[in-house]
Amino acid sequence: MYANVFKRSYIWNDEFCVSTRPAARSACQPERLVTRHGIERPAPGTGIKVHFKDSKGAHIKTVEANEGDNILEVAHEHDVDLEGACEGSVACSTCHVILPVEFYNQLPEPEDDENDMLDMAFGLTDTSRLGCQVKLTRALDGITATLPAATRNMFVDGVKPTKH
């Protein structure tokens, strides 16, 4: 019986789903905001742009994020290879990023916990921050996060953490 109800409730094709139930229908409309990993993403062209570069300055990816997201979350959502072994609990330095001076100066001073972890970061610079502690605001639109050449405490098997 459940399968029959499901079949009548949704019609799927390759691009989107259409529901016969009003509450579910709005969630399936393709013009709605893009959702990645359960989080609503901004409509294209309306988000805060974040550029990711590797340690040699080569462009990795440009993505859009919501105000209040942090760089680590955004990197994981868009499959950028920023580690984050402690999942944002400020217990490691694996989400270490290097920011341009003009953006670094717009951020609040790092807390003591963040400074303690940054002391252990590989390739520390004057504009280093932990990606999990950089909350995005409109003033940071266009920020570039450069990933260091290496991190301490790297995953051995290449598995990235996922939300539980």
N, C-alpha and C. Protein backbone atom coordinates (compact mmCIF):
# COMPACT_ATOMS: atom_id res chain seq x y z
N MET A 1 0.81 -1.20 0.00
CA MET A 1 0.00 0.00 0.00
C MET A 1 0.86 1.27 0.00
N TYR A 2 1.93 1.27 0.82
CA TYR A 2 2.79 2.44 0.89
C TYR A 2 3.38 2.76 -0.49
N ALA A 3 3.78 1.72 -1.21
CA ALA A 3 4.35 1.94 -2.54
C ALA A 3 3.34 2.59 -3.47
N ASN A 4 2.08 2.19 -3.37
CA ASN A 4 1.05 2.78 -4.22
C ASN A 4 0.84 4.25 -3.89
N VAL A 5 0.84 4.59 -2.61
CA VAL A 5 0.69 5.99 -2.20
C VAL A 5 1.87 6.81 -2.72
N PHE A 6 3.07 6.25 -2.58
CA PHE A 6 4.25 6.96 -3.04
C PHE A 6 4.19 7.19 -4.54
N LYS A 7 3.80 6.17 -5.28
CA LYS A 7 3.74 6.31 -6.73
C LYS A 7 2.74 7.38 -7.15
N ARG A 8 1.65 7.50 -6.42
CA ARG A 8 0.66 8.51 -6.78
C ARG A 8 1.07 9.91 -6.31
N SER A 9 1.91 9.99 -5.28
CA SER A 9 2.27 11.28 -4.73
C SER A 9 3.34 12.00 -5.54
N TYR A 10 4.22 11.25 -6.15
CA TYR A 10 5.33 11.87 -6.86
C TYR A 10 5.45 11.33 -8.27
N ILE A 11 5.78 12.19 -9.19
CA ILE A 11 6.10 11.80 -10.55
C ILE A 11 7.52 12.30 -10.80
N TRP A 12 8.44 11.40 -11.07
CA TRP A 12 9.83 11.76 -11.24
C TRP A 12 10.21 11.73 -12.71
N ASN A 13 11.04 12.68 -13.11
CA ASN A 13 11.71 12.57 -14.41
C ASN A 13 13.17 12.91 -14.20
N ASP A 14 13.94 13.05 -15.24
CA ASP A 14 15.38 13.25 -15.10
C ASP A 14 15.76 14.61 -14.51
N GLU A 15 14.88 15.59 -14.55
CA GLU A 15 15.25 16.93 -14.12
C GLU A 15 14.70 17.31 -12.75
N PHE A 16 13.48 16.94 -12.43
CA PHE A 16 12.88 17.33 -11.15
C PHE A 16 11.69 16.44 -10.86
N CYS A 17 11.11 16.62 -9.66
CA CYS A 17 9.94 15.83 -9.31
C CYS A 17 8.72 16.73 -9.23
N VAL A 18 7.58 16.16 -9.45
CA VAL A 18 6.32 16.88 -9.34
C VAL A 18 5.46 16.10 -8.36
N SER A 19 4.88 16.77 -7.41
CA SER A 19 4.07 16.11 -6.41
C SER A 19 2.60 16.46 -6.61
N THR A 20 1.75 15.51 -6.26
CA THR A 20 0.31 15.79 -6.29
C THR A 20 -0.15 16.38 -4.96
N ARG A 21 0.72 16.37 -3.96
CA ARG A 21 0.38 16.95 -2.66
C ARG A 21 0.89 18.40 -2.62
N PRO A 22 0.05 19.37 -2.25
CA PRO A 22 0.46 20.78 -2.28
C PRO A 22 1.69 21.08 -1.44
N ALA A 23 1.80 20.51 -0.24
CA ALA A 23 2.93 20.81 0.64
C ALA A 23 4.24 20.33 0.03
N ALA A 24 4.21 19.17 -0.57
CA ALA A 24 5.43 18.62 -1.16
C ALA A 24 5.73 19.22 -2.52
N ARG A 25 4.72 19.70 -3.21
CA ARG A 25 4.91 20.23 -4.56
C ARG A 25 5.90 21.39 -4.57
N SER A 26 5.80 22.30 -3.59
CA SER A 26 6.70 23.45 -3.58
C SER A 26 8.15 23.03 -3.36
N ALA A 27 8.36 21.95 -2.60
CA ALA A 27 9.72 21.49 -2.35
C ALA A 27 10.36 20.88 -3.58
N CYS A 28 9.56 20.47 -4.55
CA CYS A 28 10.08 19.82 -5.74
C CYS A 28 10.25 20.76 -6.92
N GLN A 29 9.85 22.01 -6.78
CA GLN A 29 9.91 22.92 -7.92
C GLN A 29 11.36 23.26 -8.24
N PRO A 30 11.76 23.16 -9.51
CA PRO A 30 13.15 23.40 -9.87
C PRO A 30 13.60 24.83 -9.67
N GLU A 31 12.68 25.78 -9.64
CA GLU A 31 13.08 27.18 -9.46
C GLU A 31 13.40 27.51 -8.01
N ARG A 32 13.16 26.55 -7.10
CA ARG A 32 13.50 26.76 -5.70
C ARG A 32 15.02 26.84 -5.55
N LEU A 33 15.47 27.29 -4.39
CA LEU A 33 16.90 27.38 -4.15
C LEU A 33 17.56 26.01 -4.24
N VAL A 34 18.80 26.00 -4.66
CA VAL A 34 19.55 24.76 -4.79
C VAL A 34 19.86 24.23 -3.40
N THR A 35 19.70 22.93 -3.21
CA THR A 35 20.00 22.32 -1.92
C THR A 35 21.17 21.37 -2.07
N ARG A 36 22.17 21.52 -1.21
CA ARG A 36 23.32 20.61 -1.19
C ARG A 36 23.47 20.12 0.24
N HIS A 37 23.54 18.84 0.44
CA HIS A 37 23.71 18.23 1.75
C HIS A 37 22.67 18.72 2.74
N GLY A 38 21.45 18.97 2.29
CA GLY A 38 20.36 19.34 3.18
C GLY A 38 20.32 20.81 3.55
N ILE A 39 21.21 21.63 3.02
CA ILE A 39 21.25 23.05 3.35
C ILE A 39 20.85 23.85 2.12
N GLU A 40 19.93 24.78 2.29
CA GLU A 40 19.53 25.59 1.13
C GLU A 40 20.66 26.53 0.74
N ARG A 41 21.01 26.50 -0.51
CA ARG A 41 22.05 27.35 -1.05
C ARG A 41 21.41 28.57 -1.68
N PRO A 42 22.15 29.65 -1.81
CA PRO A 42 21.59 30.84 -2.43
C PRO A 42 21.32 30.61 -3.92
N ALA A 43 20.35 31.32 -4.43
CA ALA A 43 20.09 31.27 -5.87
C ALA A 43 21.34 31.78 -6.59
N PRO A 44 21.67 31.23 -7.74
CA PRO A 44 22.87 31.65 -8.46
C PRO A 44 22.94 33.17 -8.64
N GLY A 45 24.10 33.73 -8.31
CA GLY A 45 24.32 35.16 -8.46
C GLY A 45 23.93 35.99 -7.25
N THR A 46 23.35 35.37 -6.21
CA THR A 46 22.91 36.14 -5.04
C THR A 46 23.72 35.85 -3.78
N GLY A 47 24.58 34.84 -3.81
CA GLY A 47 25.32 34.44 -2.62
C GLY A 47 26.63 35.19 -2.47
N ILE A 48 27.33 34.86 -1.40
CA ILE A 48 28.66 35.41 -1.13
C ILE A 48 29.66 34.53 -1.88
N LYS A 49 30.43 35.14 -2.77
CA LYS A 49 31.39 34.38 -3.57
C LYS A 49 32.63 34.06 -2.72
N VAL A 50 33.03 32.80 -2.78
CA VAL A 50 34.24 32.34 -2.10
C VAL A 50 35.10 31.63 -3.15
N HIS A 51 36.34 32.10 -3.31
CA HIS A 51 37.28 31.51 -4.26
C HIS A 51 38.26 30.64 -3.46
N PHE A 52 38.51 29.44 -3.94
CA PHE A 52 39.48 28.56 -3.32
C PHE A 52 40.67 28.40 -4.26
N LYS A 53 41.89 28.52 -3.69
CA LYS A 53 43.12 28.33 -4.46
C LYS A 53 44.00 27.32 -3.74
N ASP A 54 44.86 26.65 -4.51
CA ASP A 54 45.81 25.75 -3.88
C ASP A 54 47.04 26.53 -3.43
N SER A 55 48.00 25.84 -2.84
CA SER A 55 49.18 26.50 -2.27
C SER A 55 50.05 27.20 -3.31
N LYS A 56 49.90 26.81 -4.57
CA LYS A 56 50.68 27.44 -5.64
C LYS A 56 49.93 28.57 -6.31
N GLY A 57 48.73 28.86 -5.82
CA GLY A 57 47.93 29.96 -6.37
C GLY A 57 47.01 29.57 -7.50
N ALA A 58 46.97 28.29 -7.84
CA ALA A 58 46.08 27.83 -8.92
C ALA A 58 44.63 27.80 -8.42
N HIS A 59 43.73 28.29 -9.24
CA HIS A 59 42.31 28.34 -8.89
C HIS A 59 41.76 26.92 -8.80
N ILE A 60 41.08 26.61 -7.69
CA ILE A 60 40.44 25.31 -7.51
C ILE A 60 38.97 25.41 -7.90
N LYS A 61 38.27 26.35 -7.27
CA LYS A 61 36.83 26.45 -7.48
C LYS A 61 36.32 27.77 -6.91
N THR A 62 35.28 28.33 -7.52
CA THR A 62 34.56 29.47 -6.97
C THR A 62 33.15 29.01 -6.68
N VAL A 63 32.68 29.29 -5.47
CA VAL A 63 31.34 28.85 -5.06
C VAL A 63 30.60 30.02 -4.43
N GLU A 64 29.31 29.84 -4.22
CA GLU A 64 28.50 30.85 -3.53
C GLU A 64 27.98 30.26 -2.23
N ALA A 65 27.96 31.09 -1.20
CA ALA A 65 27.55 30.65 0.13
C ALA A 65 26.56 31.63 0.74
N ASN A 66 25.93 31.20 1.82
CA ASN A 66 25.01 32.05 2.56
C ASN A 66 25.76 32.83 3.62
N GLU A 67 25.21 33.96 4.00
CA GLU A 67 25.75 34.71 5.12
C GLU A 67 25.63 33.84 6.37
N GLY A 68 26.70 33.79 7.17
CA GLY A 68 26.70 32.98 8.38
C GLY A 68 27.35 31.62 8.21
N ASP A 69 27.51 31.15 6.96
CA ASP A 69 28.24 29.90 6.72
C ASP A 69 29.70 30.13 7.07
N ASN A 70 30.42 29.06 7.38
CA ASN A 70 31.86 29.22 7.55
C ASN A 70 32.59 28.56 6.38
N ILE A 71 33.84 28.90 6.20
CA ILE A 71 34.60 28.44 5.04
C ILE A 71 34.72 26.92 5.02
N LEU A 72 34.87 26.29 6.17
CA LEU A 72 34.98 24.83 6.21
C LEU A 72 33.70 24.16 5.70
N GLU A 73 32.54 24.61 6.17
CA GLU A 73 31.27 24.04 5.72
C GLU A 73 31.11 24.21 4.20
N VAL A 74 31.42 25.39 3.73
CA VAL A 74 31.28 25.68 2.30
C VAL A 74 32.21 24.78 1.49
N ALA A 75 33.44 24.61 1.95
CA ALA A 75 34.39 23.74 1.24
C ALA A 75 33.87 22.31 1.18
N HIS A 76 33.38 21.79 2.29
CA HIS A 76 32.88 20.41 2.30
C HIS A 76 31.66 20.25 1.41
N GLU A 77 30.76 21.23 1.42
CA GLU A 77 29.55 21.14 0.60
C GLU A 77 29.86 21.12 -0.89
N HIS A 78 30.98 21.74 -1.26
CA HIS A 78 31.33 21.85 -2.68
C HIS A 78 32.54 21.00 -3.05
N ASP A 79 32.84 20.01 -2.22
CA ASP A 79 33.91 19.04 -2.49
C ASP A 79 35.28 19.66 -2.72
N VAL A 80 35.58 20.72 -1.97
CA VAL A 80 36.92 21.30 -1.96
C VAL A 80 37.71 20.54 -0.90
N ASP A 81 38.93 20.18 -1.20
CA ASP A 81 39.72 19.31 -0.33
C ASP A 81 40.31 20.07 0.86
N LEU A 82 39.45 20.55 1.73
CA LEU A 82 39.84 21.19 2.99
C LEU A 82 39.45 20.22 4.09
N GLU A 83 40.40 19.79 4.88
CA GLU A 83 40.20 18.62 5.72
C GLU A 83 39.18 18.77 6.84
N GLY A 84 39.44 19.53 7.88
CA GLY A 84 38.48 19.68 8.98
C GLY A 84 38.30 18.42 9.80
N ALA A 85 39.39 17.83 10.28
CA ALA A 85 39.33 16.56 11.01
C ALA A 85 38.46 16.62 12.26
N CYS A 86 38.42 17.76 12.95
CA CYS A 86 37.63 17.87 14.19
C CYS A 86 36.20 18.33 13.92
N GLU A 87 35.84 18.49 12.65
CA GLU A 87 34.50 18.90 12.23
C GLU A 87 34.08 20.25 12.81
N GLY A 88 35.04 21.15 12.94
CA GLY A 88 34.73 22.52 13.34
C GLY A 88 34.68 22.77 14.84
N SER A 89 35.24 21.87 15.64
CA SER A 89 35.19 22.04 17.09
C SER A 89 36.43 22.74 17.64
N VAL A 90 37.26 23.29 16.79
CA VAL A 90 38.50 24.00 17.14
C VAL A 90 39.42 23.10 17.96
N ALA A 91 39.59 21.87 17.50
CA ALA A 91 40.46 20.92 18.18
C ALA A 91 41.61 20.45 17.29
N CYS A 92 41.76 21.07 16.11
CA CYS A 92 42.86 20.73 15.20
C CYS A 92 43.15 21.96 14.34
N SER A 93 44.10 21.81 13.44
CA SER A 93 44.41 22.92 12.54
C SER A 93 44.29 22.50 11.08
N THR A 94 43.55 21.44 10.81
CA THR A 94 43.49 20.91 9.45
C THR A 94 42.63 21.73 8.49
N CYS A 95 41.85 22.68 9.00
CA CYS A 95 41.07 23.55 8.11
C CYS A 95 41.75 24.91 7.95
N HIS A 96 43.05 24.95 8.22
CA HIS A 96 43.85 26.17 8.10
C HIS A 96 43.77 26.71 6.67
N VAL A 97 43.44 27.99 6.55
CA VAL A 97 43.44 28.68 5.26
C VAL A 97 44.21 29.98 5.39
N ILE A 98 44.70 30.47 4.26
CA ILE A 98 45.43 31.73 4.22
C ILE A 98 44.57 32.72 3.45
N LEU A 99 44.32 33.87 4.06
CA LEU A 99 43.42 34.87 3.49
C LEU A 99 44.19 36.10 3.02
N PRO A 100 43.66 36.83 2.04
CA PRO A 100 44.28 38.10 1.66
C PRO A 100 44.17 39.10 2.82
N VAL A 101 45.14 39.99 2.93
CA VAL A 101 45.20 40.95 4.04
C VAL A 101 43.92 41.77 4.15
N GLU A 102 43.37 42.23 3.01
CA GLU A 102 42.18 43.10 3.06
C GLU A 102 40.97 42.38 3.65
N PHE A 103 40.88 41.07 3.47
CA PHE A 103 39.77 40.31 4.07
C PHE A 103 40.10 39.92 5.50
N TYR A 104 41.35 39.55 5.74
CA TYR A 104 41.77 39.17 7.09
C TYR A 104 41.49 40.31 8.08
N ASN A 105 41.76 41.54 7.66
CA ASN A 105 41.57 42.70 8.54
C ASN A 105 40.11 42.99 8.84
N GLN A 106 39.17 42.46 8.06
CA GLN A 106 37.75 42.67 8.31
C GLN A 106 37.18 41.68 9.32
N LEU A 107 37.94 40.65 9.64
CA LEU A 107 37.46 39.62 10.56
C LEU A 107 37.74 40.01 12.01
N PRO A 108 36.91 39.51 12.94
CA PRO A 108 37.22 39.73 14.35
C PRO A 108 38.51 38.99 14.71
N GLU A 109 39.17 39.44 15.76
CA GLU A 109 40.40 38.79 16.21
C GLU A 109 40.13 37.32 16.54
N PRO A 110 41.08 36.43 16.25
CA PRO A 110 40.89 35.02 16.61
C PRO A 110 40.82 34.85 18.13
N GLU A 111 39.97 33.92 18.57
CA GLU A 111 39.89 33.58 19.99
C GLU A 111 41.17 32.83 20.39
N ASP A 112 41.40 32.69 21.69
CA ASP A 112 42.59 31.98 22.18
C ASP A 112 42.65 30.54 21.69
N ASP A 113 41.50 29.85 21.67
CA ASP A 113 41.46 28.45 21.19
C ASP A 113 41.95 28.36 19.75
N GLU A 114 41.48 29.30 18.92
CA GLU A 114 41.90 29.29 17.52
C GLU A 114 43.39 29.57 17.40
N ASN A 115 43.89 30.55 18.15
CA ASN A 115 45.32 30.85 18.11
C ASN A 115 46.16 29.65 18.54
N ASP A 116 45.69 28.92 19.56
CA ASP A 116 46.42 27.73 20.02
C ASP A 116 46.51 26.69 18.91
N MET A 117 45.43 26.50 18.18
CA MET A 117 45.43 25.52 17.09
C MET A 117 46.26 26.02 15.90
N LEU A 118 46.19 27.32 15.63
CA LEU A 118 46.98 27.88 14.53
C LEU A 118 48.48 27.72 14.79
N ASP A 119 48.89 27.75 16.06
CA ASP A 119 50.31 27.55 16.38
C ASP A 119 50.81 26.20 15.89
N MET A 120 49.92 25.23 15.72
CA MET A 120 50.30 23.90 15.25
C MET A 120 50.14 23.74 13.73
N ALA A 121 49.63 24.77 13.06
CA ALA A 121 49.33 24.67 11.63
C ALA A 121 50.61 24.67 10.80
N PHE A 122 50.59 23.88 9.74
CA PHE A 122 51.69 23.83 8.79
C PHE A 122 51.63 25.08 7.91
N GLY A 123 52.75 25.75 7.72
CA GLY A 123 52.82 26.91 6.82
C GLY A 123 52.09 28.13 7.33
N LEU A 124 52.12 28.37 8.63
CA LEU A 124 51.43 29.50 9.25
C LEU A 124 51.92 30.83 8.68
N THR A 125 50.99 31.74 8.40
CA THR A 125 51.33 33.09 7.92
C THR A 125 50.64 34.12 8.81
N ASP A 126 50.91 35.39 8.56
CA ASP A 126 50.28 36.46 9.33
C ASP A 126 48.78 36.55 9.08
N THR A 127 48.31 36.00 7.96
CA THR A 127 46.88 36.08 7.64
C THR A 127 46.22 34.70 7.66
N SER A 128 46.77 33.79 8.44
CA SER A 128 46.19 32.45 8.58
C SER A 128 45.01 32.47 9.53
N ARG A 129 43.99 31.70 9.19
CA ARG A 129 42.83 31.50 10.07
C ARG A 129 42.37 30.06 9.90
N LEU A 130 41.59 29.59 10.86
CA LEU A 130 40.94 28.29 10.72
C LEU A 130 39.65 28.52 9.94
N GLY A 131 39.45 27.75 8.88
CA GLY A 131 38.27 27.91 8.04
C GLY A 131 36.97 27.75 8.81
N CYS A 132 36.98 26.92 9.86
CA CYS A 132 35.77 26.71 10.64
C CYS A 132 35.39 27.93 11.47
N GLN A 133 36.31 28.87 11.63
CA GLN A 133 36.05 30.05 12.45
C GLN A 133 35.80 31.31 11.64
N VAL A 134 35.86 31.21 10.32
CA VAL A 134 35.63 32.37 9.46
C VAL A 134 34.17 32.35 9.01
N LYS A 135 33.33 33.14 9.69
CA LYS A 135 31.91 33.26 9.34
C LYS A 135 31.78 34.28 8.21
N LEU A 136 31.09 33.87 7.16
CA LEU A 136 30.96 34.73 5.99
C LEU A 136 29.91 35.82 6.19
N THR A 137 30.25 37.02 5.75
CA THR A 137 29.34 38.16 5.75
C THR A 137 29.38 38.78 4.36
N ARG A 138 28.46 39.68 4.09
CA ARG A 138 28.44 40.37 2.78
C ARG A 138 29.76 41.11 2.54
N ALA A 139 30.37 41.62 3.61
CA ALA A 139 31.64 42.35 3.47
C ALA A 139 32.76 41.44 2.96
N LEU A 140 32.60 40.12 3.12
CA LEU A 140 33.62 39.17 2.68
C LEU A 140 33.35 38.61 1.29
N ASP A 141 32.37 39.18 0.58
CA ASP A 141 32.04 38.72 -0.77
C ASP A 141 33.28 38.83 -1.66
N GLY A 142 33.65 37.73 -2.30
CA GLY A 142 34.83 37.71 -3.16
C GLY A 142 36.09 37.24 -2.46
N ILE A 143 35.97 36.77 -1.23
CA ILE A 143 37.13 36.32 -0.46
C ILE A 143 37.82 35.14 -1.15
N THR A 144 39.13 35.10 -1.03
CA THR A 144 39.92 33.98 -1.55
C THR A 144 40.52 33.24 -0.38
N ALA A 145 40.27 31.95 -0.31
CA ALA A 145 40.87 31.10 0.72
C ALA A 145 41.92 30.22 0.04
N THR A 146 43.17 30.44 0.41
CA THR A 146 44.26 29.65 -0.16
C THR A 146 44.57 28.50 0.79
N LEU A 147 44.58 27.29 0.25
CA LEU A 147 44.86 26.11 1.05
C LEU A 147 46.37 25.93 1.16
N PRO A 148 46.89 25.62 2.35
CA PRO A 148 48.33 25.41 2.48
C PRO A 148 48.78 24.14 1.75
N ALA A 149 50.09 24.01 1.56
CA ALA A 149 50.63 22.86 0.83
C ALA A 149 50.39 21.55 1.57
N ALA A 150 50.29 21.59 2.88
CA ALA A 150 50.07 20.38 3.67
C ALA A 150 49.36 20.75 4.96
N THR A 151 48.84 19.75 5.65
CA THR A 151 48.26 19.96 6.98
C THR A 151 48.81 18.91 7.92
N ARG A 152 48.74 19.17 9.19
CA ARG A 152 49.10 18.16 10.18
C ARG A 152 47.81 17.40 10.52
N ASN A 153 47.93 16.08 10.78
CA ASN A 153 46.77 15.25 11.13
C ASN A 153 45.92 14.93 9.92
N MET A 154 46.54 14.68 8.77
CA MET A 154 45.77 14.38 7.56
C MET A 154 45.10 13.02 7.65
N PHE A 155 43.94 12.88 6.99
CA PHE A 155 43.26 11.59 6.90
C PHE A 155 44.15 10.64 6.11
N VAL A 156 44.34 9.48 6.62
CA VAL A 156 45.17 8.49 5.95
C VAL A 156 44.43 7.88 4.77
N ASP A 157 43.14 7.62 4.95
CA ASP A 157 42.38 6.92 3.91
C ASP A 157 41.65 7.85 2.96
N GLY A 158 41.76 9.15 3.12
CA GLY A 158 41.14 10.08 2.19
C GLY A 158 39.66 10.31 2.42
N VAL A 159 39.09 9.78 3.49
CA VAL A 159 37.67 9.96 3.77
C VAL A 159 37.45 11.34 4.36
N LYS A 160 36.45 12.05 3.84
CA LYS A 160 36.09 13.35 4.37
C LYS A 160 34.93 13.18 5.34
N PRO A 161 34.89 13.98 6.42
CA PRO A 161 33.78 13.84 7.36
C PRO A 161 32.47 14.26 6.70
N THR A 162 31.40 13.60 7.09
CA THR A 162 30.06 13.96 6.63
C THR A 162 29.20 14.25 7.84
N LYS A 163 28.16 15.02 7.64
CA LYS A 163 27.26 15.32 8.74
C LYS A 163 26.51 14.07 9.14
N HIS A 164 26.29 13.91 10.43
CA HIS A 164 25.59 12.72 10.96
C HIS A 164 24.11 12.93 10.95
